[in-house]
Amino acid sequence: MPKYPCWLDPENIFIETVQLSFLTVREHLAFLLMTVKALVSSMTISKDNFSCSVLPTLLLMAMAIILTSSSALAASTSFNVVDLGAKGDGRTDSTHAFLRAWDSACASSSATIYVPHGRYLLNEVLFKGQCKGPVTFKIDGTLVAPSNYHILGISGKWIVFNRVQDVSITGGILDGQGAGLWACKAAGKNCPFGARVVIGVHQLDRDFYYRADIHEQPTIPHRHPRP
């Protein structure tokens, strides 16, 4: 005779196949399994007072815990550019680290790219869509353009987004290091135009918004406020 009719013993509950819409699932499976087992174990059930009608309630409660946990974790998916190789020293090229963060965030249902305090050197960079869900850049540091104005002066652009939607950029400072270019122009020399587009958007689908401080830029970027 089973100890708990119509129900599995808590020691025999396993989560074998789970597909969730967020990364690092393995980190959380142990917690979810422990929660489900604790739920079942905490029920005071004996063969004398157990009713099979309790089973649907138990299943719904367990499923609610899993779905609530997975939704919260999915909403908090975050990619720190430092963890992906970026250096906040203002000298090391962090372009590839930012692109790795973008690729991971773009493949997520909802994600935040976090830029900690520091100065992060970015060369001309293209962030391409279309992404699976909304992406937010949360910048506590400073994005720094190359001090050699000829690098961006040839292309005329610095940070470009292509085929994106639901992208937000909040906080931070964009430092174009334009002092050298301004000095060149003031001296009447043959100077490049510089980065005429600081943040550019090509083939905008919808909802692109950013708010940041601009330092030493030869031109003013276009702003696309969220409705």
C-alpha atoms as a PDB file:
ATOM      1  CA  MET A   1       0.000   0.000   0.000  1.00  0.00           C
ATOM      2  CA  PRO A   2       1.541   3.377  -1.001  1.00  0.00           C
ATOM      3  CA  LYS A   3       2.258   5.743   1.835  1.00  0.00           C
ATOM      4  CA  TYR A   4       0.378   8.536   0.059  1.00  0.00           C
ATOM      5  CA  PRO A   5      -2.397   7.298  -2.258  1.00  0.00           C
ATOM      6  CA  CYS A   6      -2.664   9.160  -5.609  1.00  0.00           C
ATOM      7  CA  TRP A   7       0.574  11.001  -4.867  1.00  0.00           C
ATOM      8  CA  LEU A   8       4.293  10.544  -5.268  1.00  0.00           C
ATOM      9  CA  ASP A   9       6.498  10.279  -2.236  1.00  0.00           C
ATOM     10  CA  PRO A  10       8.439  13.573  -1.843  1.00  0.00           C
ATOM     11  CA  GLU A  11      11.713  11.676  -2.134  1.00  0.00           C
ATOM     12  CA  ASN A  12      10.759  10.523  -5.630  1.00  0.00           C
ATOM     13  CA  ILE A  13       9.980  13.906  -7.163  1.00  0.00           C
ATOM     14  CA  PHE A  14      12.339  14.852  -9.970  1.00  0.00           C
ATOM     15  CA  ILE A  15      12.502  17.672 -12.492  1.00  0.00           C
ATOM     16  CA  GLU A  16      13.892  16.013 -15.608  1.00  0.00           C
ATOM     17  CA  THR A  17      13.070  18.247 -18.575  1.00  0.00           C
ATOM     18  CA  VAL A  18      12.485  21.963 -18.138  1.00  0.00           C
ATOM     19  CA  GLN A  19      12.548  24.600 -20.856  1.00  0.00           C
ATOM     20  CA  LEU A  20      12.397  28.167 -19.584  1.00  0.00           C
ATOM     21  CA  SER A  21      12.885  31.470 -21.359  1.00  0.00           C
ATOM     22  CA  PHE A  22      15.933  32.635 -19.418  1.00  0.00           C
ATOM     23  CA  LEU A  23      19.589  31.753 -19.202  1.00  0.00           C
ATOM     24  CA  THR A  24      21.473  30.095 -16.313  1.00  0.00           C
ATOM     25  CA  VAL A  25      18.570  27.721 -15.658  1.00  0.00           C
ATOM     26  CA  ARG A  26      20.792  25.135 -13.967  1.00  0.00           C
ATOM     27  CA  GLU A  27      21.548  27.534 -11.129  1.00  0.00           C
ATOM     28  CA  HIS A  28      17.882  27.651 -10.132  1.00  0.00           C
ATOM     29  CA  LEU A  29      16.623  24.108 -10.694  1.00  0.00           C
ATOM     30  CA  ALA A  30      17.918  22.935  -7.317  1.00  0.00           C
ATOM     31  CA  PHE A  31      16.042  25.738  -5.591  1.00  0.00           C
ATOM     32  CA  LEU A  32      12.811  24.968  -7.443  1.00  0.00           C
ATOM     33  CA  LEU A  33      13.057  21.254  -6.660  1.00  0.00           C
ATOM     34  CA  MET A  34      13.706  21.982  -2.994  1.00  0.00           C
ATOM     35  CA  THR A  35      10.673  24.287  -2.885  1.00  0.00           C
ATOM     36  CA  VAL A  36       8.361  21.698  -4.430  1.00  0.00           C
ATOM     37  CA  LYS A  37       9.587  18.987  -2.047  1.00  0.00           C
ATOM     38  CA  ALA A  38       9.141  21.297   0.928  1.00  0.00           C
ATOM     39  CA  LEU A  39       5.599  22.058  -0.188  1.00  0.00           C
ATOM     40  CA  VAL A  40       4.651  18.380  -0.335  1.00  0.00           C
ATOM     41  CA  SER A  41       6.499  17.460   2.860  1.00  0.00           C
ATOM     42  CA  SER A  42       4.816  20.259   4.794  1.00  0.00           C
ATOM     43  CA  MET A  43       1.352  18.862   4.048  1.00  0.00           C
ATOM     44  CA  THR A  44       0.044  16.833   6.995  1.00  0.00           C
ATOM     45  CA  ILE A  45      -1.430  13.867   5.124  1.00  0.00           C
ATOM     46  CA  SER A  46      -2.279  10.408   6.371  1.00  0.00           C
ATOM     47  CA  LYS A  47      -4.078   7.563   4.682  1.00  0.00           C
ATOM     48  CA  ASP A  48      -7.006   8.163   7.026  1.00  0.00           C
ATOM     49  CA  ASN A  49      -7.673  11.791   6.100  1.00  0.00           C
ATOM     50  CA  PHE A  50      -6.190  11.964   2.590  1.00  0.00           C
ATOM     51  CA  SER A  51      -8.537  12.689  -0.290  1.00  0.00           C
ATOM     52  CA  CYS A  52      -7.551  12.338  -3.943  1.00  0.00           C
ATOM     53  CA  SER A  53      -9.294  15.673  -4.539  1.00  0.00           C
ATOM     54  CA  VAL A  54      -6.273  17.334  -2.887  1.00  0.00           C
ATOM     55  CA  LEU A  55      -4.006  16.283  -5.756  1.00  0.00           C
ATOM     56  CA  PRO A  56      -5.067  18.967  -8.304  1.00  0.00           C
ATOM     57  CA  THR A  57      -4.548  21.664  -5.670  1.00  0.00           C
ATOM     58  CA  LEU A  58      -1.048  20.410  -4.902  1.00  0.00           C
ATOM     59  CA  LEU A  59      -0.159  20.312  -8.574  1.00  0.00           C
ATOM     60  CA  LEU A  60      -1.457  23.841  -9.161  1.00  0.00           C
ATOM     61  CA  MET A  61       0.440  25.179  -6.149  1.00  0.00           C
ATOM     62  CA  ALA A  62       3.682  23.574  -7.323  1.00  0.00           C
ATOM     63  CA  MET A  63       3.211  24.866 -10.872  1.00  0.00           C
ATOM     64  CA  ALA A  64       2.470  28.373  -9.576  1.00  0.00           C
ATOM     65  CA  ILE A  65       5.744  28.380  -7.640  1.00  0.00           C
ATOM     66  CA  ILE A  66       7.729  27.307 -10.710  1.00  0.00           C
ATOM     67  CA  LEU A  67       6.055  29.776 -13.072  1.00  0.00           C
ATOM     68  CA  THR A  68       6.371  32.674 -10.630  1.00  0.00           C
ATOM     69  CA  SER A  69      10.044  31.926 -10.045  1.00  0.00           C
ATOM     70  CA  SER A  70      10.802  31.529 -13.742  1.00  0.00           C
ATOM     71  CA  SER A  71       8.981  34.763 -14.646  1.00  0.00           C
ATOM     72  CA  ALA A  72      10.872  36.736 -12.026  1.00  0.00           C
ATOM     73  CA  LEU A  73      14.185  35.281 -13.126  1.00  0.00           C
ATOM     74  CA  ALA A  74      13.415  35.913 -16.787  1.00  0.00           C
ATOM     75  CA  ALA A  75      12.629  39.555 -16.064  1.00  0.00           C
ATOM     76  CA  SER A  76      15.926  40.009 -14.219  1.00  0.00           C
ATOM     77  CA  THR A  77      18.275  38.605 -16.865  1.00  0.00           C
ATOM     78  CA  SER A  78      21.305  40.882 -16.805  1.00  0.00           C
ATOM     79  CA  PHE A  79      24.641  40.910 -18.610  1.00  0.00           C
ATOM     80  CA  ASN A  80      27.529  42.783 -17.026  1.00  0.00           C
ATOM     81  CA  VAL A  81      30.005  43.929 -19.680  1.00  0.00           C
ATOM     82  CA  VAL A  82      32.893  43.532 -17.221  1.00  0.00           C
ATOM     83  CA  ASP A  83      32.059  39.838 -16.825  1.00  0.00           C
ATOM     84  CA  LEU A  84      32.349  39.549 -20.611  1.00  0.00           C
ATOM     85  CA  GLY A  85      35.793  41.133 -20.832  1.00  0.00           C
ATOM     86  CA  ALA A  86      35.267  44.901 -20.764  1.00  0.00           C
ATOM     87  CA  LYS A  87      37.845  47.013 -18.926  1.00  0.00           C
ATOM     88  CA  GLY A  88      36.869  50.278 -17.269  1.00  0.00           C
ATOM     89  CA  ASP A  89      40.340  51.808 -17.538  1.00  0.00           C
ATOM     90  CA  GLY A  90      39.576  54.093 -20.502  1.00  0.00           C
ATOM     91  CA  ARG A  91      42.394  52.555 -22.564  1.00  0.00           C
ATOM     92  CA  THR A  92      41.490  48.924 -23.289  1.00  0.00           C
ATOM     93  CA  ASP A  93      39.213  48.422 -26.292  1.00  0.00           C
ATOM     94  CA  SER A  94      35.951  47.040 -24.882  1.00  0.00           C
ATOM     95  CA  THR A  95      34.048  46.946 -28.179  1.00  0.00           C
ATOM     96  CA  HIS A  96      33.964  43.148 -28.463  1.00  0.00           C
ATOM     97  CA  ALA A  97      32.812  42.744 -24.853  1.00  0.00           C
ATOM     98  CA  PHE A  98      29.889  45.080 -25.511  1.00  0.00           C
ATOM     99  CA  LEU A  99      29.008  43.136 -28.653  1.00  0.00           C
ATOM    100  CA  ARG A 100      29.069  39.855 -26.709  1.00  0.00           C
ATOM    101  CA  ALA A 101      26.723  41.384 -24.139  1.00  0.00           C
ATOM    102  CA  TRP A 102      24.450  42.615 -26.925  1.00  0.00           C
ATOM    103  CA  ASP A 103      24.320  39.218 -28.648  1.00  0.00           C
ATOM    104  CA  SER A 104      23.349  37.500 -25.388  1.00  0.00           C
ATOM    105  CA  ALA A 105      20.789  40.155 -24.456  1.00  0.00           C
ATOM    106  CA  CYS A 106      19.342  40.193 -27.962  1.00  0.00           C
ATOM    107  CA  ALA A 107      18.727  36.452 -27.761  1.00  0.00           C
ATOM    108  CA  SER A 108      16.850  36.785 -24.450  1.00  0.00           C
ATOM    109  CA  SER A 109      13.156  37.413 -23.956  1.00  0.00           C
ATOM    110  CA  SER A 110      13.986  40.488 -21.853  1.00  0.00           C
ATOM    111  CA  ALA A 111      17.418  41.648 -20.748  1.00  0.00           C
ATOM    112  CA  THR A 112      19.523  44.435 -19.307  1.00  0.00           C
ATOM    113  CA  ILE A 113      23.103  45.209 -20.314  1.00  0.00           C
ATOM    114  CA  TYR A 114      24.817  46.710 -17.295  1.00  0.00           C
ATOM    115  CA  VAL A 115      27.843  49.000 -17.577  1.00  0.00           C
ATOM    116  CA  PRO A 116      29.417  49.576 -14.120  1.00  0.00           C
ATOM    117  CA  HIS A 117      31.350  52.660 -13.059  1.00  0.00           C
ATOM    118  CA  GLY A 118      34.490  53.224 -15.104  1.00  0.00           C
ATOM    119  CA  ARG A 119      35.571  54.499 -18.514  1.00  0.00           C
ATOM    120  CA  TYR A 120      35.021  52.052 -21.378  1.00  0.00           C
ATOM    121  CA  LEU A 121      36.733  52.634 -24.705  1.00  0.00           C
ATOM    122  CA  LEU A 122      34.473  51.885 -27.667  1.00  0.00           C
ATOM    123  CA  ASN A 123      35.448  52.072 -31.305  1.00  0.00           C
ATOM    124  CA  GLU A 124      32.791  52.318 -33.999  1.00  0.00           C
ATOM    125  CA  VAL A 125      30.208  49.702 -33.062  1.00  0.00           C
ATOM    126  CA  LEU A 126      27.047  48.333 -34.670  1.00  0.00           C
ATOM    127  CA  PHE A 127      24.353  46.701 -32.543  1.00  0.00           C
ATOM    128  CA  LYS A 128      22.175  44.660 -34.876  1.00  0.00           C
ATOM    129  CA  GLY A 129      18.618  43.364 -34.433  1.00  0.00           C
ATOM    130  CA  GLN A 130      16.120  42.010 -34.614  1.00  0.00           C
ATOM    131  CA  CYS A 131      16.066  40.958 -30.987  1.00  0.00           C
ATOM    132  CA  LYS A 132      13.833  38.461 -29.247  1.00  0.00           C
ATOM    133  CA  GLY A 133      12.644  41.000 -26.658  1.00  0.00           C
ATOM    134  CA  PRO A 134      13.276  44.431 -25.124  1.00  0.00           C
ATOM    135  CA  VAL A 135      16.849  45.396 -24.247  1.00  0.00           C
ATOM    136  CA  THR A 136      17.903  48.052 -21.746  1.00  0.00           C
ATOM    137  CA  PHE A 137      21.365  49.566 -21.434  1.00  0.00           C
ATOM    138  CA  LYS A 138      21.863  50.659 -17.817  1.00  0.00           C
ATOM    139  CA  ILE A 139      25.029  52.725 -17.770  1.00  0.00           C
ATOM    140  CA  ASP A 140      26.678  53.863 -14.546  1.00  0.00           C
ATOM    141  CA  GLY A 141      30.009  54.491 -16.265  1.00  0.00           C
ATOM    142  CA  THR A 142      31.317  56.470 -19.227  1.00  0.00           C
ATOM    143  CA  LEU A 143      31.553  55.334 -22.843  1.00  0.00           C
ATOM    144  CA  VAL A 144      34.705  56.803 -24.373  1.00  0.00           C
ATOM    145  CA  ALA A 145      35.416  57.332 -28.066  1.00  0.00           C
ATOM    146  CA  PRO A 146      38.970  56.894 -29.431  1.00  0.00           C
ATOM    147  CA  SER A 147      41.164  59.910 -28.720  1.00  0.00           C
ATOM    148  CA  ASN A 148      42.499  59.740 -32.293  1.00  0.00           C
ATOM    149  CA  TYR A 149      39.759  61.635 -34.130  1.00  0.00           C
ATOM    150  CA  HIS A 150      40.818  60.178 -37.469  1.00  0.00           C
ATOM    151  CA  ILE A 151      39.408  56.776 -36.421  1.00  0.00           C
ATOM    152  CA  LEU A 152      35.806  57.965 -36.240  1.00  0.00           C
ATOM    153  CA  GLY A 153      36.354  60.889 -38.557  1.00  0.00           C
ATOM    154  CA  ILE A 154      36.514  58.588 -41.569  1.00  0.00           C
ATOM    155  CA  SER A 155      33.246  56.749 -40.905  1.00  0.00           C
ATOM    156  CA  GLY A 156      31.430  59.705 -39.370  1.00  0.00           C
ATOM    157  CA  LYS A 157      29.570  57.599 -36.787  1.00  0.00           C
ATOM    158  CA  TRP A 158      30.251  56.039 -33.433  1.00  0.00           C
ATOM    159  CA  ILE A 159      27.439  53.914 -31.945  1.00  0.00           C
ATOM    160  CA  VAL A 160      24.815  52.588 -34.359  1.00  0.00           C
ATOM    161  CA  PHE A 161      21.695  50.461 -33.810  1.00  0.00           C
ATOM    162  CA  ASN A 162      20.242  48.607 -36.791  1.00  0.00           C
ATOM    163  CA  ARG A 163      16.787  46.966 -36.975  1.00  0.00           C
ATOM    164  CA  VAL A 164      16.043  47.320 -33.276  1.00  0.00           C
ATOM    165  CA  GLN A 165      12.885  47.718 -31.245  1.00  0.00           C
ATOM    166  CA  ASP A 166      12.140  48.321 -27.567  1.00  0.00           C
ATOM    167  CA  VAL A 167      15.686  49.503 -26.810  1.00  0.00           C
ATOM    168  CA  SER A 168      16.352  51.882 -23.914  1.00  0.00           C
ATOM    169  CA  ILE A 169      19.591  53.546 -22.831  1.00  0.00           C
ATOM    170  CA  THR A 170      19.575  55.194 -19.414  1.00  0.00           C
ATOM    171  CA  GLY A 171      22.223  56.979 -17.394  1.00  0.00           C
ATOM    172  CA  GLY A 172      25.901  57.236 -18.118  1.00  0.00           C
ATOM    173  CA  ILE A 173      28.134  59.647 -20.014  1.00  0.00           C
ATOM    174  CA  LEU A 174      29.162  59.564 -23.673  1.00  0.00           C
ATOM    175  CA  ASP A 175      32.614  61.132 -24.003  1.00  0.00           C
ATOM    176  CA  GLY A 176      33.611  61.697 -27.620  1.00  0.00           C
ATOM    177  CA  GLN A 177      37.037  63.109 -26.635  1.00  0.00           C
ATOM    178  CA  GLY A 178      36.544  65.858 -29.167  1.00  0.00           C
ATOM    179  CA  ALA A 179      39.102  68.323 -27.797  1.00  0.00           C
ATOM    180  CA  GLY A 180      41.722  67.352 -30.379  1.00  0.00           C
ATOM    181  CA  LEU A 181      39.301  67.703 -33.280  1.00  0.00           C
ATOM    182  CA  TRP A 182      38.052  71.067 -32.058  1.00  0.00           C
ATOM    183  CA  ALA A 183      41.660  72.270 -31.788  1.00  0.00           C
ATOM    184  CA  CYS A 184      42.308  71.080 -35.345  1.00  0.00           C
ATOM    185  CA  LYS A 185      39.288  72.970 -36.654  1.00  0.00           C
ATOM    186  CA  ALA A 186      40.134  76.086 -34.651  1.00  0.00           C
ATOM    187  CA  ALA A 187      43.589  76.105 -36.243  1.00  0.00           C
ATOM    188  CA  GLY A 188      42.020  76.048 -39.718  1.00  0.00           C
ATOM    189  CA  LYS A 189      43.656  72.761 -40.652  1.00  0.00           C
ATOM    190  CA  ASN A 190      42.290  70.124 -43.011  1.00  0.00           C
ATOM    191  CA  CYS A 191      40.361  68.076 -40.451  1.00  0.00           C
ATOM    192  CA  PRO A 192      37.870  65.218 -40.793  1.00  0.00           C
ATOM    193  CA  PHE A 193      34.247  65.890 -39.955  1.00  0.00           C
ATOM    194  CA  GLY A 194      34.404  63.671 -36.909  1.00  0.00           C
ATOM    195  CA  ALA A 195      31.601  61.491 -35.605  1.00  0.00           C
ATOM    196  CA  ARG A 196      28.615  63.315 -37.046  1.00  0.00           C
ATOM    197  CA  VAL A 197      26.360  60.596 -35.613  1.00  0.00           C
ATOM    198  CA  VAL A 198      27.014  59.791 -31.959  1.00  0.00           C
ATOM    199  CA  ILE A 199      24.096  57.391 -31.527  1.00  0.00           C
ATOM    200  CA  GLY A 200      22.430  56.464 -34.792  1.00  0.00           C
ATOM    201  CA  VAL A 201      19.418  54.295 -35.530  1.00  0.00           C
ATOM    202  CA  HIS A 202      18.933  52.576 -38.884  1.00  0.00           C
ATOM    203  CA  GLN A 203      15.653  50.905 -39.861  1.00  0.00           C
ATOM    204  CA  LEU A 204      14.004  51.702 -36.562  1.00  0.00           C
ATOM    205  CA  ASP A 205      11.067  49.394 -35.877  1.00  0.00           C
ATOM    206  CA  ARG A 206       9.655  51.098 -32.787  1.00  0.00           C
ATOM    207  CA  ASP A 207      10.441  52.447 -29.333  1.00  0.00           C
ATOM    208  CA  PHE A 208      14.026  53.593 -29.123  1.00  0.00           C
ATOM    209  CA  TYR A 209      14.827  55.848 -26.195  1.00  0.00           C
ATOM    210  CA  TYR A 210      17.961  57.104 -24.534  1.00  0.00           C
ATOM    211  CA  ARG A 211      19.015  59.628 -21.955  1.00  0.00           C
ATOM    212  CA  ALA A 212      22.687  60.298 -21.337  1.00  0.00           C
ATOM    213  CA  ASP A 213      25.142  63.148 -20.862  1.00  0.00           C
ATOM    214  CA  ILE A 214      27.201  64.085 -23.929  1.00  0.00           C
ATOM    215  CA  HIS A 215      30.756  65.349 -23.422  1.00  0.00           C
ATOM    216  CA  GLU A 216      32.984  66.973 -26.068  1.00  0.00           C
ATOM    217  CA  GLN A 217      31.059  65.881 -29.135  1.00  0.00           C
ATOM    218  CA  PRO A 218      31.406  67.694 -32.470  1.00  0.00           C
ATOM    219  CA  THR A 219      27.713  67.147 -33.216  1.00  0.00           C
ATOM    220  CA  ILE A 220      24.453  66.653 -31.378  1.00  0.00           C
ATOM    221  CA  PRO A 221      22.896  63.185 -31.741  1.00  0.00           C
ATOM    222  CA  HIS A 222      19.347  62.557 -32.843  1.00  0.00           C
ATOM    223  CA  ARG A 223      16.958  61.776 -30.007  1.00  0.00           C
ATOM    224  CA  HIS A 224      14.066  59.387 -30.344  1.00  0.00           C
ATOM    225  CA  PRO A 225      11.835  59.871 -27.275  1.00  0.00           C
ATOM    226  CA  ARG A 226       9.550  57.085 -26.249  1.00  0.00           C
ATOM    227  CA  PRO A 227       5.904  58.065 -26.844  1.00  0.00           C
END
